N, C-alpha and C. Protein backbone atom coordinates (compact mmCIF):
# COMPACT_ATOMS: atom_id res chain seq x y z
N MET A 1 -129.46 -10.84 -153.67
CA MET A 1 -130.70 -10.39 -154.44
C MET A 1 -131.14 -9.32 -154.58
N THR A 2 -130.68 -8.53 -153.52
CA THR A 2 -131.44 -6.57 -153.35
C THR A 2 -130.14 -6.42 -154.45
N GLY A 3 -129.21 -6.93 -154.51
CA GLY A 3 -127.76 -6.12 -155.41
C GLY A 3 -128.38 -6.25 -156.79
N LEU A 4 -128.94 -7.50 -157.39
CA LEU A 4 -129.06 -7.87 -158.53
C LEU A 4 -130.40 -7.36 -158.80
N PHE A 5 -131.35 -7.09 -157.98
CA PHE A 5 -132.48 -6.27 -158.53
C PHE A 5 -132.34 -4.51 -158.83
N LEU A 6 -131.22 -4.16 -158.10
CA LEU A 6 -130.93 -2.53 -158.35
C LEU A 6 -130.17 -2.63 -159.70
N VAL A 7 -129.33 -3.43 -159.67
CA VAL A 7 -128.55 -3.79 -161.35
C VAL A 7 -129.74 -3.91 -162.32
N ASN A 8 -130.51 -4.98 -161.74
CA ASN A 8 -131.95 -4.56 -162.91
C ASN A 8 -132.41 -3.31 -163.46
N ILE A 9 -132.92 -2.94 -162.29
CA ILE A 9 -133.29 -1.33 -162.21
C ILE A 9 -132.25 -0.52 -163.17
N LEU A 10 -130.95 -0.28 -162.85
CA LEU A 10 -129.80 0.22 -163.34
C LEU A 10 -130.06 0.04 -165.11
N LEU A 11 -130.23 -1.61 -165.34
CA LEU A 11 -130.38 -1.56 -166.45
C LEU A 11 -131.45 -1.15 -167.46
N ALA A 12 -132.49 -1.00 -166.92
CA ALA A 12 -133.65 -0.74 -167.03
C ALA A 12 -133.61 0.77 -167.67
N LEU A 13 -132.95 1.76 -166.88
CA LEU A 13 -132.88 2.96 -167.00
C LEU A 13 -132.01 3.09 -167.87
N SER A 14 -131.04 2.31 -168.26
CA SER A 14 -130.02 2.50 -169.23
C SER A 14 -130.74 2.22 -170.51
N TRP A 15 -131.57 1.37 -170.56
CA TRP A 15 -132.12 1.05 -171.90
C TRP A 15 -133.19 2.26 -171.92
N ALA A 16 -133.64 2.99 -171.41
CA ALA A 16 -134.52 4.17 -171.46
C ALA A 16 -133.94 5.62 -171.82
N ALA A 17 -132.69 5.53 -170.89
CA ALA A 17 -131.30 6.56 -171.97
C ALA A 17 -131.02 6.30 -173.27
N VAL A 18 -130.82 5.56 -173.58
CA VAL A 18 -130.41 5.01 -175.04
C VAL A 18 -131.20 4.85 -175.91
N SER A 19 -132.81 4.53 -175.77
CA SER A 19 -133.63 4.60 -176.59
C SER A 19 -134.39 6.15 -176.60
N GLY A 20 -134.41 7.00 -175.33
CA GLY A 20 -134.63 8.06 -175.37
C GLY A 20 -136.27 8.38 -175.10
N SER A 21 -136.59 7.11 -174.39
CA SER A 21 -138.07 7.54 -173.67
C SER A 21 -137.88 6.42 -172.56
N PHE A 22 -138.29 7.46 -171.71
CA PHE A 22 -138.60 6.81 -170.06
C PHE A 22 -140.17 6.68 -169.88
N SER A 23 -140.75 6.40 -170.86
CA SER A 23 -142.39 5.54 -170.86
C SER A 23 -142.58 4.91 -169.85
N VAL A 24 -143.62 4.75 -169.17
CA VAL A 24 -143.73 3.27 -168.37
C VAL A 24 -143.32 2.09 -168.95
N VAL A 25 -143.94 1.91 -170.38
CA VAL A 25 -143.67 0.84 -171.12
C VAL A 25 -142.42 0.78 -171.14
N ASN A 26 -141.46 1.71 -171.63
CA ASN A 26 -140.26 1.48 -172.05
C ASN A 26 -139.20 0.75 -170.84
N LEU A 27 -139.90 1.65 -169.70
CA LEU A 27 -138.98 1.33 -168.72
C LEU A 27 -139.25 -0.23 -168.55
N ALA A 28 -140.55 -0.70 -168.23
CA ALA A 28 -140.99 -2.05 -168.27
C ALA A 28 -140.06 -3.11 -169.00
N PHE A 29 -139.92 -2.79 -170.33
CA PHE A 29 -139.76 -3.32 -171.50
C PHE A 29 -137.93 -3.47 -171.02
N GLY A 30 -137.04 -2.20 -170.64
CA GLY A 30 -135.75 -2.19 -170.40
C GLY A 30 -135.68 -3.21 -169.40
N PHE A 31 -136.57 -3.36 -168.29
CA PHE A 31 -136.55 -4.08 -166.84
C PHE A 31 -136.62 -5.78 -167.58
N VAL A 32 -137.35 -5.92 -168.34
CA VAL A 32 -137.55 -7.41 -169.26
C VAL A 32 -136.14 -7.82 -169.98
N LEU A 33 -135.72 -6.82 -170.42
CA LEU A 33 -134.26 -7.16 -171.19
C LEU A 33 -133.34 -7.11 -170.28
N GLY A 34 -133.17 -6.31 -168.95
CA GLY A 34 -132.18 -6.37 -168.11
C GLY A 34 -132.22 -7.75 -167.38
N THR A 35 -133.67 -8.26 -166.97
CA THR A 35 -133.78 -9.58 -166.28
C THR A 35 -133.18 -10.64 -167.55
N GLY A 36 -133.36 -10.33 -168.95
CA GLY A 36 -132.82 -11.71 -169.57
C GLY A 36 -131.62 -11.70 -169.68
N VAL A 37 -130.70 -10.22 -169.59
CA VAL A 37 -129.53 -10.22 -169.65
C VAL A 37 -128.90 -11.08 -168.35
N LEU A 38 -129.41 -10.44 -167.34
CA LEU A 38 -129.03 -11.23 -166.03
C LEU A 38 -128.90 -12.83 -166.20
N PHE A 39 -129.92 -12.98 -166.45
CA PHE A 39 -130.56 -14.49 -166.58
C PHE A 39 -129.39 -15.20 -167.60
N MET A 40 -128.98 -14.53 -168.34
CA MET A 40 -127.73 -15.58 -169.38
C MET A 40 -126.47 -15.38 -168.43
N ILE A 41 -126.45 -14.47 -167.74
CA ILE A 41 -124.85 -14.41 -166.94
C ILE A 41 -125.04 -14.81 -165.58
N ARG A 42 -126.10 -15.41 -164.98
CA ARG A 42 -126.51 -15.63 -163.55
C ARG A 42 -125.50 -16.18 -162.84
N GLU A 43 -124.93 -17.46 -163.42
CA GLU A 43 -123.66 -18.25 -163.07
C GLU A 43 -122.50 -17.41 -162.49
N GLN A 44 -122.42 -16.11 -163.28
CA GLN A 44 -120.91 -15.24 -163.12
C GLN A 44 -121.24 -14.54 -162.14
N VAL A 45 -122.80 -13.79 -162.01
CA VAL A 45 -123.03 -13.08 -161.05
C VAL A 45 -123.68 -13.66 -159.59
N GLY A 46 -123.60 -15.14 -159.59
CA GLY A 46 -124.84 -15.43 -158.82
C GLY A 46 -125.56 -15.25 -158.35
N GLY A 47 -126.63 -15.18 -159.66
CA GLY A 47 -127.89 -14.60 -159.36
C GLY A 47 -129.21 -15.75 -159.17
N SER A 48 -128.64 -16.96 -159.18
CA SER A 48 -129.63 -17.96 -159.16
C SER A 48 -130.63 -17.73 -158.32
N SER A 49 -130.31 -17.30 -156.89
CA SER A 49 -131.36 -17.11 -156.05
C SER A 49 -132.32 -16.26 -156.47
N TYR A 50 -131.90 -15.13 -157.10
CA TYR A 50 -132.72 -13.89 -157.45
C TYR A 50 -133.84 -14.62 -158.59
N PHE A 51 -133.37 -15.39 -159.27
CA PHE A 51 -134.43 -15.70 -160.30
C PHE A 51 -135.53 -17.07 -159.83
N GLN A 52 -135.05 -17.53 -158.73
CA GLN A 52 -135.97 -18.73 -157.84
C GLN A 52 -136.73 -17.86 -157.14
N ARG A 53 -136.24 -16.61 -156.47
CA ARG A 53 -137.28 -16.00 -155.55
C ARG A 53 -138.27 -15.12 -156.67
N THR A 54 -137.70 -14.66 -157.71
CA THR A 54 -138.31 -13.80 -158.62
C THR A 54 -139.89 -14.61 -159.27
N GLY A 55 -139.40 -16.12 -159.46
CA GLY A 55 -140.49 -17.02 -159.51
C GLY A 55 -141.58 -17.25 -158.58
N ARG A 56 -140.66 -17.40 -157.21
CA ARG A 56 -141.51 -17.74 -156.16
C ARG A 56 -142.81 -16.05 -156.01
N VAL A 57 -142.21 -15.17 -156.22
CA VAL A 57 -143.00 -14.05 -155.96
C VAL A 57 -144.14 -13.76 -157.48
N VAL A 58 -143.61 -14.45 -158.48
CA VAL A 58 -144.59 -14.18 -159.42
C VAL A 58 -145.68 -15.60 -159.10
N GLY A 59 -145.37 -16.45 -158.79
CA GLY A 59 -146.00 -17.71 -158.06
C GLY A 59 -147.44 -17.23 -157.14
N LEU A 60 -146.47 -16.35 -155.92
CA LEU A 60 -147.57 -15.50 -155.07
C LEU A 60 -148.65 -14.77 -156.20
N ILE A 61 -148.14 -13.92 -156.63
CA ILE A 61 -149.15 -13.21 -157.53
C ILE A 61 -150.18 -13.81 -158.34
N LEU A 62 -149.67 -15.01 -158.88
CA LEU A 62 -150.45 -15.72 -159.75
C LEU A 62 -152.12 -16.37 -159.01
N LEU A 63 -151.24 -16.75 -157.78
CA LEU A 63 -152.16 -17.40 -156.57
C LEU A 63 -153.26 -16.38 -156.37
N PHE A 64 -152.80 -14.87 -156.06
CA PHE A 64 -153.91 -13.82 -155.74
C PHE A 64 -154.59 -13.45 -156.89
N LEU A 65 -154.30 -13.68 -157.87
CA LEU A 65 -155.16 -13.43 -158.98
C LEU A 65 -155.94 -14.51 -159.21
N LYS A 66 -155.62 -16.11 -159.31
CA LYS A 66 -156.60 -17.01 -159.18
C LYS A 66 -157.91 -16.64 -158.02
N GLU A 67 -157.42 -16.65 -156.60
CA GLU A 67 -158.09 -16.43 -155.33
C GLU A 67 -158.89 -15.06 -155.70
N LEU A 68 -158.58 -14.03 -156.29
CA LEU A 68 -159.54 -12.99 -156.32
C LEU A 68 -160.25 -13.26 -157.30
N ALA A 69 -160.20 -13.72 -158.51
CA ALA A 69 -161.49 -14.43 -159.36
C ALA A 69 -162.12 -15.18 -158.86
N LEU A 70 -161.68 -16.48 -158.13
CA LEU A 70 -162.64 -17.45 -157.60
C LEU A 70 -163.46 -16.52 -156.55
N SER A 71 -162.85 -16.05 -155.62
CA SER A 71 -163.90 -15.10 -154.75
C SER A 71 -165.27 -14.34 -155.25
N ALA A 72 -164.45 -13.29 -156.28
CA ALA A 72 -165.25 -12.39 -156.76
C ALA A 72 -166.56 -13.59 -157.28
N TRP A 73 -166.10 -14.50 -157.95
CA TRP A 73 -167.37 -14.97 -158.60
C TRP A 73 -168.26 -15.79 -157.62
N ARG A 74 -167.44 -16.02 -156.22
CA ARG A 74 -168.47 -16.81 -155.41
C ARG A 74 -169.15 -15.53 -154.62
N VAL A 75 -168.73 -14.28 -154.27
CA VAL A 75 -169.63 -13.37 -154.04
C VAL A 75 -170.68 -12.53 -154.69
N ALA A 76 -170.31 -12.83 -156.11
CA ALA A 76 -171.35 -12.40 -157.05
C ALA A 76 -172.50 -13.42 -157.09
N LEU A 77 -171.95 -14.64 -156.91
CA LEU A 77 -173.30 -15.34 -156.75
C LEU A 77 -174.10 -15.45 -155.29
N LEU A 78 -173.37 -15.24 -154.35
CA LEU A 78 -174.23 -15.05 -153.02
C LEU A 78 -174.87 -13.86 -153.00
N VAL A 79 -174.69 -12.84 -153.83
CA VAL A 79 -175.42 -11.35 -153.58
C VAL A 79 -176.41 -11.79 -154.71
N SER A 80 -176.34 -12.02 -155.83
CA SER A 80 -177.41 -12.22 -157.05
C SER A 80 -178.50 -13.41 -156.49
N ARG A 81 -178.40 -14.01 -155.11
CA ARG A 81 -179.71 -14.83 -155.14
C ARG A 81 -180.81 -13.90 -154.52
N PRO A 82 -181.70 -14.34 -154.69
CA PRO A 82 -182.93 -13.55 -153.94
C PRO A 82 -182.81 -13.79 -152.38
N LYS A 83 -182.76 -14.77 -151.83
CA LYS A 83 -182.32 -14.97 -150.53
C LYS A 83 -180.94 -15.37 -150.10
N MET A 84 -180.34 -14.25 -149.84
CA MET A 84 -178.87 -14.65 -149.28
C MET A 84 -178.90 -15.17 -147.91
N ASP A 85 -178.44 -16.63 -148.48
CA ASP A 85 -178.36 -17.37 -147.29
C ASP A 85 -176.98 -17.50 -146.70
N VAL A 86 -176.34 -16.55 -146.29
CA VAL A 86 -175.00 -16.60 -145.50
C VAL A 86 -174.72 -16.73 -143.89
N SER A 87 -173.63 -17.39 -143.68
CA SER A 87 -173.53 -17.33 -142.27
C SER A 87 -171.89 -16.78 -142.02
N PRO A 88 -172.18 -15.38 -142.00
CA PRO A 88 -170.84 -14.82 -141.84
C PRO A 88 -170.21 -14.85 -140.24
N GLY A 89 -169.10 -14.49 -140.06
CA GLY A 89 -168.28 -15.02 -138.89
C GLY A 89 -167.00 -14.70 -139.27
N LEU A 90 -166.48 -14.41 -137.90
CA LEU A 90 -164.80 -14.27 -137.44
C LEU A 90 -163.92 -15.54 -137.38
N ILE A 91 -163.00 -15.47 -137.73
CA ILE A 91 -161.81 -16.54 -137.56
C ILE A 91 -160.85 -16.23 -136.87
N ALA A 92 -160.00 -16.83 -135.81
CA ALA A 92 -158.71 -16.46 -135.39
C ALA A 92 -157.42 -17.23 -135.85
N PHE A 93 -156.97 -16.47 -137.05
CA PHE A 93 -155.86 -17.37 -137.75
C PHE A 93 -154.56 -17.46 -137.09
N PRO A 94 -154.32 -18.85 -136.59
CA PRO A 94 -152.81 -18.52 -135.95
C PRO A 94 -151.75 -18.29 -137.23
N LEU A 95 -151.14 -17.69 -136.65
CA LEU A 95 -149.80 -17.23 -137.71
C LEU A 95 -148.39 -17.64 -137.85
N THR A 96 -148.21 -18.17 -138.77
CA THR A 96 -146.74 -18.69 -138.71
C THR A 96 -145.78 -17.66 -139.52
N VAL A 97 -146.34 -16.97 -140.12
CA VAL A 97 -145.50 -15.49 -140.69
C VAL A 97 -145.20 -14.70 -139.39
N GLU A 98 -143.68 -14.35 -139.36
CA GLU A 98 -143.53 -13.81 -137.97
C GLU A 98 -143.26 -12.26 -138.41
N ARG A 99 -142.42 -11.99 -139.60
CA ARG A 99 -141.97 -10.44 -139.43
C ARG A 99 -143.16 -9.41 -140.25
N ASP A 100 -143.07 -8.31 -139.70
CA ASP A 100 -143.79 -7.64 -140.05
C ASP A 100 -144.48 -7.41 -141.17
N PHE A 101 -143.46 -7.12 -142.48
CA PHE A 101 -143.81 -7.19 -143.74
C PHE A 101 -144.59 -8.18 -144.04
N GLU A 102 -144.30 -9.51 -144.00
CA GLU A 102 -144.83 -10.98 -144.01
C GLU A 102 -146.85 -10.96 -143.47
N ILE A 103 -146.53 -10.36 -142.25
CA ILE A 103 -147.71 -10.09 -141.79
C ILE A 103 -148.67 -9.07 -142.21
N ALA A 104 -148.29 -7.64 -142.93
CA ALA A 104 -149.06 -7.08 -143.60
C ALA A 104 -149.06 -7.50 -144.83
N LEU A 105 -148.44 -8.11 -145.66
CA LEU A 105 -148.87 -8.71 -147.00
C LEU A 105 -150.14 -9.42 -146.93
N LEU A 106 -150.06 -10.69 -145.99
CA LEU A 106 -150.87 -11.71 -145.53
C LEU A 106 -152.03 -10.86 -145.12
N ALA A 107 -152.21 -9.75 -144.55
CA ALA A 107 -153.51 -9.32 -143.91
C ALA A 107 -153.84 -8.56 -145.18
N ASN A 108 -152.95 -7.97 -146.16
CA ASN A 108 -153.94 -6.97 -147.19
C ASN A 108 -154.15 -8.13 -148.49
N LEU A 109 -153.57 -9.25 -148.70
CA LEU A 109 -153.76 -10.17 -149.31
C LEU A 109 -155.67 -10.81 -149.33
N ILE A 110 -155.62 -10.88 -147.84
CA ILE A 110 -156.81 -11.32 -147.43
C ILE A 110 -157.98 -10.23 -147.61
N THR A 111 -157.72 -9.02 -147.37
CA THR A 111 -158.45 -8.20 -147.49
C THR A 111 -158.83 -7.54 -148.64
N LEU A 112 -157.90 -7.89 -149.40
CA LEU A 112 -158.07 -7.33 -151.14
C LEU A 112 -158.92 -8.42 -151.69
N THR A 113 -159.16 -9.72 -151.18
CA THR A 113 -159.80 -11.05 -151.87
C THR A 113 -161.37 -10.58 -151.41
N PRO A 114 -162.16 -10.49 -152.30
CA PRO A 114 -163.48 -10.16 -151.97
C PRO A 114 -164.30 -11.24 -150.80
N GLY A 115 -164.89 -10.85 -150.18
CA GLY A 115 -165.84 -11.60 -149.11
C GLY A 115 -164.83 -12.14 -147.76
N THR A 116 -163.88 -11.20 -147.90
CA THR A 116 -162.60 -11.58 -146.28
C THR A 116 -162.08 -10.16 -145.95
N LEU A 117 -162.34 -9.87 -144.88
CA LEU A 117 -161.44 -8.81 -144.46
C LEU A 117 -160.89 -8.84 -143.14
N SER A 118 -159.22 -8.65 -143.29
CA SER A 118 -158.63 -8.74 -142.15
C SER A 118 -158.65 -7.45 -140.95
N VAL A 119 -159.19 -8.01 -139.90
CA VAL A 119 -159.76 -7.12 -138.66
C VAL A 119 -158.73 -6.84 -138.05
N ASP A 120 -157.89 -7.46 -137.31
CA ASP A 120 -156.93 -7.02 -136.22
C ASP A 120 -155.84 -8.05 -136.31
N VAL A 121 -154.62 -7.68 -135.98
CA VAL A 121 -153.57 -8.96 -135.35
C VAL A 121 -153.32 -8.51 -134.13
N SER A 122 -153.49 -9.79 -132.81
CA SER A 122 -153.14 -9.62 -132.02
C SER A 122 -151.74 -8.86 -131.26
N GLU A 123 -151.87 -8.56 -130.17
CA GLU A 123 -150.88 -7.66 -129.35
C GLU A 123 -149.29 -8.74 -129.64
N ASP A 124 -149.32 -10.17 -129.35
CA ASP A 124 -148.47 -10.82 -129.54
C ASP A 124 -147.72 -11.12 -130.70
N ARG A 125 -148.59 -10.60 -131.90
CA ARG A 125 -148.60 -10.85 -133.17
C ARG A 125 -148.39 -12.59 -133.53
N LYS A 126 -149.24 -13.55 -132.93
CA LYS A 126 -149.48 -14.82 -133.14
C LYS A 126 -150.74 -14.99 -134.12
N THR A 127 -151.61 -14.11 -133.76
CA THR A 127 -153.13 -14.30 -134.44
C THR A 127 -153.82 -13.04 -135.28
N LEU A 128 -154.04 -13.61 -136.58
CA LEU A 128 -154.86 -12.57 -137.50
C LEU A 128 -156.27 -12.83 -137.46
N TYR A 129 -157.13 -11.83 -137.15
CA TYR A 129 -158.52 -12.01 -136.99
C TYR A 129 -158.95 -11.78 -138.37
N VAL A 130 -160.01 -12.59 -139.06
CA VAL A 130 -160.14 -12.48 -140.37
C VAL A 130 -161.88 -12.43 -140.24
N HIS A 131 -162.57 -11.78 -141.03
CA HIS A 131 -164.21 -11.65 -140.90
C HIS A 131 -164.43 -12.16 -142.40
N CYS A 132 -165.09 -13.30 -142.47
CA CYS A 132 -165.30 -13.75 -143.49
C CYS A 132 -166.94 -13.75 -143.91
N ILE A 133 -167.50 -13.20 -144.90
CA ILE A 133 -169.06 -12.92 -145.34
C ILE A 133 -169.76 -14.46 -145.38
N ASP A 134 -169.20 -15.30 -145.78
CA ASP A 134 -169.71 -16.77 -145.32
C ASP A 134 -168.86 -17.60 -145.21
N LEU A 135 -169.20 -18.03 -143.55
CA LEU A 135 -168.05 -19.11 -143.42
C LEU A 135 -168.78 -20.47 -142.80
N PRO A 136 -169.11 -21.22 -143.84
CA PRO A 136 -169.43 -22.51 -143.20
C PRO A 136 -168.70 -23.40 -142.31
N ASP A 137 -167.16 -23.18 -142.79
CA ASP A 137 -166.34 -24.33 -142.27
C ASP A 137 -165.10 -23.51 -141.92
N PRO A 138 -165.27 -22.88 -140.84
CA PRO A 138 -164.05 -21.90 -140.21
C PRO A 138 -162.36 -22.82 -140.41
N GLU A 139 -162.47 -24.22 -140.12
CA GLU A 139 -161.29 -24.79 -140.14
C GLU A 139 -160.80 -24.91 -141.56
N ALA A 140 -161.69 -25.07 -142.57
CA ALA A 140 -161.44 -25.15 -143.73
C ALA A 140 -160.87 -24.00 -144.46
N THR A 141 -161.43 -22.93 -144.30
CA THR A 141 -160.88 -21.76 -144.42
C THR A 141 -159.69 -21.26 -143.79
N ILE A 142 -159.37 -21.59 -142.98
CA ILE A 142 -157.97 -21.64 -142.16
C ILE A 142 -156.70 -22.27 -142.98
N ALA A 143 -157.42 -23.38 -143.11
CA ALA A 143 -156.02 -24.25 -144.13
C ALA A 143 -156.27 -23.92 -145.15
N ASP A 144 -157.33 -22.93 -145.84
CA ASP A 144 -157.02 -22.92 -147.09
C ASP A 144 -155.93 -21.31 -147.41
N ILE A 145 -155.79 -20.57 -146.11
CA ILE A 145 -155.24 -19.57 -145.98
C ILE A 145 -153.98 -20.16 -145.57
N ARG A 146 -153.69 -20.88 -144.82
CA ARG A 146 -152.47 -21.98 -144.57
C ARG A 146 -151.90 -22.56 -145.78
N ASN A 147 -152.48 -23.15 -146.14
CA ASN A 147 -152.00 -23.69 -147.62
C ASN A 147 -151.73 -22.74 -149.19
N GLY A 148 -152.33 -21.86 -148.97
CA GLY A 148 -152.51 -20.75 -150.06
C GLY A 148 -151.39 -19.63 -149.78
N PHE A 149 -151.95 -18.74 -149.53
CA PHE A 149 -151.43 -17.30 -149.15
C PHE A 149 -150.35 -17.31 -148.20
N GLU A 150 -150.26 -17.82 -147.18
CA GLU A 150 -149.26 -17.96 -145.87
C GLU A 150 -148.24 -18.61 -146.61
N ARG A 151 -148.38 -19.81 -146.98
CA ARG A 151 -147.48 -20.73 -147.55
C ARG A 151 -146.42 -20.07 -148.57
N LYS A 152 -147.35 -19.41 -149.80
CA LYS A 152 -146.49 -18.88 -151.03
C LYS A 152 -145.87 -17.65 -150.28
N ILE A 153 -146.23 -16.77 -149.47
CA ILE A 153 -145.13 -15.57 -148.67
C ILE A 153 -144.08 -16.36 -148.23
N MET A 154 -144.31 -17.05 -147.28
CA MET A 154 -143.04 -17.67 -146.95
C MET A 154 -141.89 -18.48 -147.52
N GLU A 155 -142.73 -18.96 -149.13
CA GLU A 155 -141.67 -19.66 -149.92
C GLU A 155 -140.68 -18.26 -150.73
N ALA A 156 -141.62 -17.24 -150.67
CA ALA A 156 -141.20 -16.45 -151.32
C ALA A 156 -140.36 -15.07 -150.91
N PHE A 157 -140.64 -14.79 -149.81
CA PHE A 157 -139.64 -14.18 -148.96
C PHE A 157 -138.90 -14.65 -147.76
N ARG A 158 -138.37 -15.90 -147.63
CA ARG A 158 -137.62 -16.65 -146.71
C ARG A 158 -136.54 -16.95 -147.49
């Protein structure tokens, strides 16, 4: 997996050197071209898992963008009402992810989503404490995080 990613970066740098432009757009285009080349020879280089993982990471990114838009809309509706009827709260989210990278990624995705804030991780790294601006149903919020961000993180990085 990591080896093919480095090869893809080298292909992008090679493209930039051949085309004579090291702009961000040209490097990104070279990376996309390199991905296409590696996809065509994936069976010869054993890169099927590279593309499967890439698809899962893209799925996580798309889920984040969807949740970002939905939660921004919900928060905008909450604050635009003349009388803000919210019930803020703190939940203790039991973690299934175990590695530091996965916990940090989950905490950051939650914090970057409007209306939620990762506050702390327990000493034993089994619980993530999350503050929500509006928490009518804590169990539903825990289920949303578990079936959304946490599941996608485990699919992408395990």
